[in-house]
Protein backbone atom coordinates (compact mmCIF):
# COMPACT_ATOMS: atom_id res chain seq x y z
CA MET A 1 82.38 104.58 74.17
CA SER A 2 85.98 105.51 74.80
CA LYS A 3 87.26 104.07 77.90
CA HIS A 4 89.50 107.17 78.10
CA VAL A 5 89.32 111.03 77.27
CA ASN A 6 92.11 112.36 76.40
CA ILE A 7 92.77 116.28 77.89
CA PHE A 8 96.27 118.06 77.50
CA ASN A 9 98.33 114.89 76.71
CA ILE A 10 96.90 113.22 80.12
CA GLU A 11 94.67 109.98 79.41
CA MET A 12 91.29 110.18 81.42
CA ASN A 13 89.76 106.84 82.95
CA ASN A 14 85.76 107.26 81.13
CA MET A 15 84.05 105.74 84.17
CA THR A 16 80.87 106.08 86.31
CA MET A 17 81.37 106.21 90.42
CA GLU A 18 79.60 102.17 90.37
CA GLU A 19 82.14 101.16 87.35
CA PHE A 20 84.68 103.09 88.86
CA LEU A 21 83.86 101.46 93.06
CA MET A 22 83.75 97.93 90.36
CA ASN A 23 87.25 98.29 88.79
CA PHE A 24 88.95 99.97 91.60
CA LYS A 25 90.83 96.90 92.81
CA GLN A 26 94.19 98.20 93.36
CA GLY A 27 96.98 100.96 92.04
CA PHE A 28 97.93 104.49 92.24
CA LEU A 29 94.73 106.93 91.59
CA VAL A 30 95.05 110.84 91.02
CA THR A 31 91.48 112.97 90.89
CA PRO A 32 93.08 116.28 88.42
CA ASN A 33 91.46 119.33 88.78
CA VAL A 34 92.30 122.84 86.59
CA ASP A 35 95.14 123.80 89.20
CA HIS A 36 96.23 120.26 88.52
CA LEU A 37 96.58 120.23 84.41
CA MET A 38 98.12 123.40 84.66
CA MET A 39 100.81 122.57 87.21
CA LEU A 40 101.46 119.42 85.09
CA GLN A 41 102.54 121.89 81.71
CA LYS A 42 105.31 122.92 83.68
CA ASN A 43 106.32 120.23 86.13
CA ASN A 44 107.57 117.36 84.38
CA GLU A 45 108.03 114.90 87.44
CA PHE A 46 104.62 115.69 88.11
CA TYR A 47 103.78 114.74 85.09
CA GLU A 48 105.93 111.50 85.42
CA ALA A 49 103.33 110.71 88.57
CA TYR A 50 100.20 110.91 86.45
CA LYS A 51 101.75 108.78 83.79
CA SER A 52 102.62 106.38 86.44
CA ALA A 53 98.64 106.25 87.96
CA ASP A 54 96.48 103.70 87.45
CA TYR A 55 93.62 105.56 86.85
CA ILE A 56 93.01 109.27 86.44
CA THR A 57 89.56 110.76 87.43
CA ALA A 58 87.85 114.64 86.56
CA ASP A 59 88.13 116.10 90.50
CA SER A 60 86.32 119.40 89.33
CA GLN A 61 83.50 120.22 87.35
CA ILE A 62 85.00 122.40 85.15
CA VAL A 63 86.84 119.56 83.82
CA TYR A 64 84.07 117.50 83.14
CA TRP A 65 83.05 120.62 81.28
CA ALA A 66 86.20 120.82 79.40
CA THR A 67 86.00 117.05 78.54
CA ARG A 68 82.78 117.66 76.96
CA PHE A 69 83.99 120.62 74.95
CA LEU A 70 86.70 118.49 73.34
CA GLY A 71 83.72 115.93 71.94
CA ASN A 72 84.26 113.05 74.33
CA GLY A 73 83.67 113.61 77.56
CA VAL A 74 83.86 111.99 80.38
CA LYS A 75 80.53 109.69 82.19
CA GLU A 76 81.46 111.22 85.82
CA LYS A 77 83.05 113.98 87.91
CA LEU A 78 84.67 112.09 90.45
CA SER A 79 86.49 113.96 92.57
CA GLY A 80 88.97 112.30 95.39
CA SER A 81 86.35 113.91 98.05
CA ASP A 82 83.80 111.86 96.80
CA ILE A 83 85.10 108.94 95.34
CA PHE A 84 86.92 108.73 99.18
CA PRO A 85 83.56 107.80 101.30
CA ALA A 86 82.61 105.98 98.79
CA TYR A 87 85.41 103.86 98.22
CA CYS A 88 84.72 103.33 102.50
CA GLN A 89 81.09 102.60 101.77
CA TYR A 90 81.86 100.26 99.17
CA HIS A 91 84.33 98.04 101.71
CA LYS A 92 82.70 98.43 104.84
CA ASP A 93 82.53 95.09 105.15
CA ASP A 94 85.48 93.81 103.36
CA SER A 95 87.91 92.81 106.11
CA ASP A 96 90.61 92.70 103.69
CA VAL A 97 90.72 96.82 102.95
CA ARG A 98 92.99 98.43 105.73
CA ILE A 99 93.73 102.20 105.13
CA PHE A 100 96.19 103.95 106.33
CA LEU A 101 95.86 108.47 106.21
CA LEU A 102 98.89 110.19 106.03
CA GLY A 103 99.02 114.01 105.65
CA ALA A 104 97.18 116.57 107.39
CA MET A 105 98.21 119.03 110.17
CA PRO A 106 98.79 117.31 113.29
CA GLY A 107 95.80 115.39 115.01
CA ILE A 108 93.61 115.80 111.76
CA ALA A 109 94.21 112.42 110.22
CA GLN A 110 93.49 110.63 113.50
CA LEU A 111 90.35 112.97 113.58
CA ALA A 112 89.13 111.62 110.47
CA ALA A 113 89.76 107.98 111.18
CA GLU A 114 87.93 107.84 114.14
CA ARG A 115 85.04 109.30 111.81
CA ILE A 116 85.76 107.60 108.95
CA ASN A 117 85.32 104.15 111.30
CA TYR A 118 82.16 104.68 113.80
CA ARG A 119 80.71 106.06 110.06
CA ILE A 120 81.54 102.92 108.69
CA GLY A 121 81.28 100.45 111.57
CA ARG A 122 84.72 98.88 111.71
CA ASN A 123 88.03 99.70 111.74
CA ILE A 124 88.58 100.42 107.96
CA VAL A 125 91.10 103.12 108.68
CA VAL A 126 94.08 101.33 110.29
CA GLY A 127 96.96 103.54 110.93
CA THR A 128 97.29 107.38 110.79
CA HIS A 129 100.58 110.01 110.29
CA SER A 130 100.28 113.18 110.09
CA PRO A 131 104.83 114.33 108.59
CA SER A 132 106.17 117.44 109.23
CA MET A 133 106.03 120.05 106.38
CA ASN A 134 108.66 119.26 104.63
CA PHE A 135 109.37 115.49 105.33
CA VAL A 136 109.27 115.09 101.67
CA ASN A 137 112.54 115.91 101.28
CA ASP A 138 113.97 114.31 104.48
CA LEU A 139 115.25 111.18 103.31
CA GLY A 140 114.99 110.37 107.26
CA GLU A 141 112.05 110.86 107.94
CA CYS A 142 110.47 109.43 104.70
CA ASP A 143 112.51 106.09 105.47
CA ALA A 144 110.63 106.40 109.28
CA VAL A 145 107.60 106.78 107.74
CA ILE A 146 107.26 104.63 105.27
CA ASP A 147 108.33 102.11 107.57
CA ILE A 148 104.96 103.57 109.54
CA ILE A 149 102.22 102.55 107.26
CA ASN A 150 104.75 99.09 106.77
CA ASP A 151 103.88 97.97 109.98
CA SER A 152 100.80 99.66 110.12
CA GLY A 153 98.98 96.48 108.82
CA ALA A 154 97.74 98.96 105.78
CA ASN A 155 97.07 97.46 102.84
CA VAL A 156 95.94 100.87 101.02
CA LEU A 157 97.28 104.51 101.51
CA VAL A 158 95.34 107.54 101.26
CA VAL A 159 98.13 111.38 101.01
CA GLY A 160 96.88 114.22 101.66
CA LEU A 161 99.58 116.39 100.57
CA GLY A 162 98.30 118.64 98.29
CA ALA A 163 99.23 118.18 94.68
CA PRO A 164 102.20 117.80 93.31
CA LYS A 165 104.19 116.61 96.12
CA GLN A 166 101.03 113.88 96.99
CA GLU A 167 101.18 112.38 93.32
CA ILE A 168 105.50 113.03 93.60
CA TRP A 169 106.03 111.23 96.85
CA ILE A 170 103.60 108.14 95.59
CA MET A 171 105.77 107.72 92.59
CA ARG A 172 108.96 108.07 94.78
CA HIS A 173 108.23 105.78 97.56
CA ARG A 174 105.44 103.15 96.26
CA GLN A 175 107.93 100.36 95.78
CA LYS A 176 109.49 100.85 99.22
CA LEU A 177 105.56 100.74 100.53
CA VAL A 178 105.47 96.76 100.20
CA ASN A 179 102.13 96.03 101.94
CA ILE A 180 100.22 98.43 100.03
CA ASN A 181 98.66 97.49 96.42
CA THR A 182 96.24 100.96 96.53
CA PHE A 183 97.33 104.52 96.36
CA MET A 184 95.19 107.60 96.14
CA ALA A 185 96.41 111.01 96.77
CA LEU A 186 93.07 112.74 97.52
CA GLY A 187 94.25 116.41 98.66
CA ALA A 188 91.92 118.38 101.38
CA THR A 189 90.19 114.78 101.38
CA LEU A 190 91.28 113.85 104.99
CA ASP A 191 90.24 117.98 106.28
CA PHE A 192 87.19 117.13 105.06
CA GLU A 193 86.05 113.82 106.46
CA ALA A 194 87.92 115.60 109.70
CA GLY A 195 85.14 117.89 109.53
CA THR A 196 87.96 120.53 109.79
CA LEU A 197 87.31 121.98 106.07
CA SER A 198 83.98 122.04 104.69
CA ARG A 199 82.92 121.20 101.07
CA ALA A 200 81.48 123.51 98.60
CA PRO A 201 77.22 122.70 98.74
CA GLY A 202 76.70 120.40 95.65
CA TRP A 203 74.60 123.12 94.18
CA VAL A 204 77.71 124.82 94.13
CA SER A 205 80.14 122.17 92.87
CA GLN A 206 77.36 121.39 90.15
CA CYS A 207 77.54 124.94 88.92
CA GLY A 208 81.48 124.38 88.11
CA LEU A 209 82.03 127.05 91.26
CA GLU A 210 83.38 124.99 94.50
CA TRP A 211 87.03 126.98 93.43
CA LEU A 212 84.82 129.86 94.84
CA TYR A 213 83.60 128.93 97.18
CA ARG A 214 87.25 127.62 98.75
CA LEU A 215 88.77 131.01 97.73
CA THR A 216 86.06 132.92 100.19
CA ARG A 217 87.20 130.63 102.57
CA GLU A 218 91.46 130.48 102.38
CA PRO A 219 91.89 133.54 99.99
CA GLY A 220 95.68 134.18 101.40
CA ARG A 221 96.31 130.55 100.63
CA LEU A 222 94.60 130.14 97.14
CA TRP A 223 94.31 133.58 95.35
CA LYS A 224 97.47 132.76 92.99
CA ARG A 225 96.31 128.93 92.26
CA TYR A 226 93.10 130.57 90.99
CA LEU A 227 93.33 133.86 89.91
CA VAL A 228 97.36 133.60 88.63
CA ARG A 229 98.27 129.79 87.54
CA ASP A 230 95.19 128.78 86.55
CA VAL A 231 93.65 131.55 84.36
CA GLY A 232 95.53 130.23 81.18
CA PHE A 233 93.38 127.03 80.95
CA PHE A 234 90.94 128.33 78.49
CA MET A 235 93.57 128.67 76.01
CA LEU A 236 95.38 125.36 76.45
CA LEU A 237 91.63 123.92 76.02
CA PHE A 238 91.21 126.03 73.00
CA LYS A 239 94.41 125.32 71.64
CA GLN A 240 93.53 121.31 71.33
CA LYS A 241 89.89 121.53 70.21
CA LEU A 242 91.61 123.35 67.65
CA GLY A 243 94.74 121.10 67.42
CA PHE A 244 97.00 122.81 68.36
CA TYR A 245 98.12 121.38 71.96
CA LYS A 246 101.51 120.22 72.46
CA SER A 247 102.52 118.26 75.18
CA PRO A 248 105.68 120.69 77.16
CA PHE A 249 107.74 117.40 78.09
């Protein structure tokens, strides 16, 4: 079986959760869903961030099914919100794993850290920071955030800023984060860990309806994503199946 599965010119890792946790010692993880794959068709810097990633896993059941439709499906859906708690549990007794949480609204990352540390039974999360909304465009604030992370003692950075902001920020600044060897771009995972945003029930996710669950809870923020930006996904999928898909970059 192939170690990678290609969808829209993105090479996804073909692993089970167990295989992923055993192999993910360091590197840059991204977890594409349908929306990411559509944004990658138009945003060159986002595409370059994906190309710089070391691990790419299917974040949604629809992407999992899409790879199966193309004929060489990934073994398992590995969403960021499943990977992160599994990663923390896997390394609960490894004091060499020290995590920093960057992102979310003020107070949420800290709440997530407290809940994670209580669940794991040690301070696996050693620092948090919730930056301003537009900090990625403020070089001074970026430098200050980098200093906070570098001074924290962390060697794992989880960034929850939403795509494509989080992936591009990691790509731009990872060389300055001198103590970090593991990067994860995980979107709403910090909110899930804090308990401020509820995940879809397991059966909803398995049915490929997690997008609908989230849309009903955040319609003002998500309607354009799901009902406008992502509707061309299946056309691109058929193009790749028939051999007509071409990467835009």
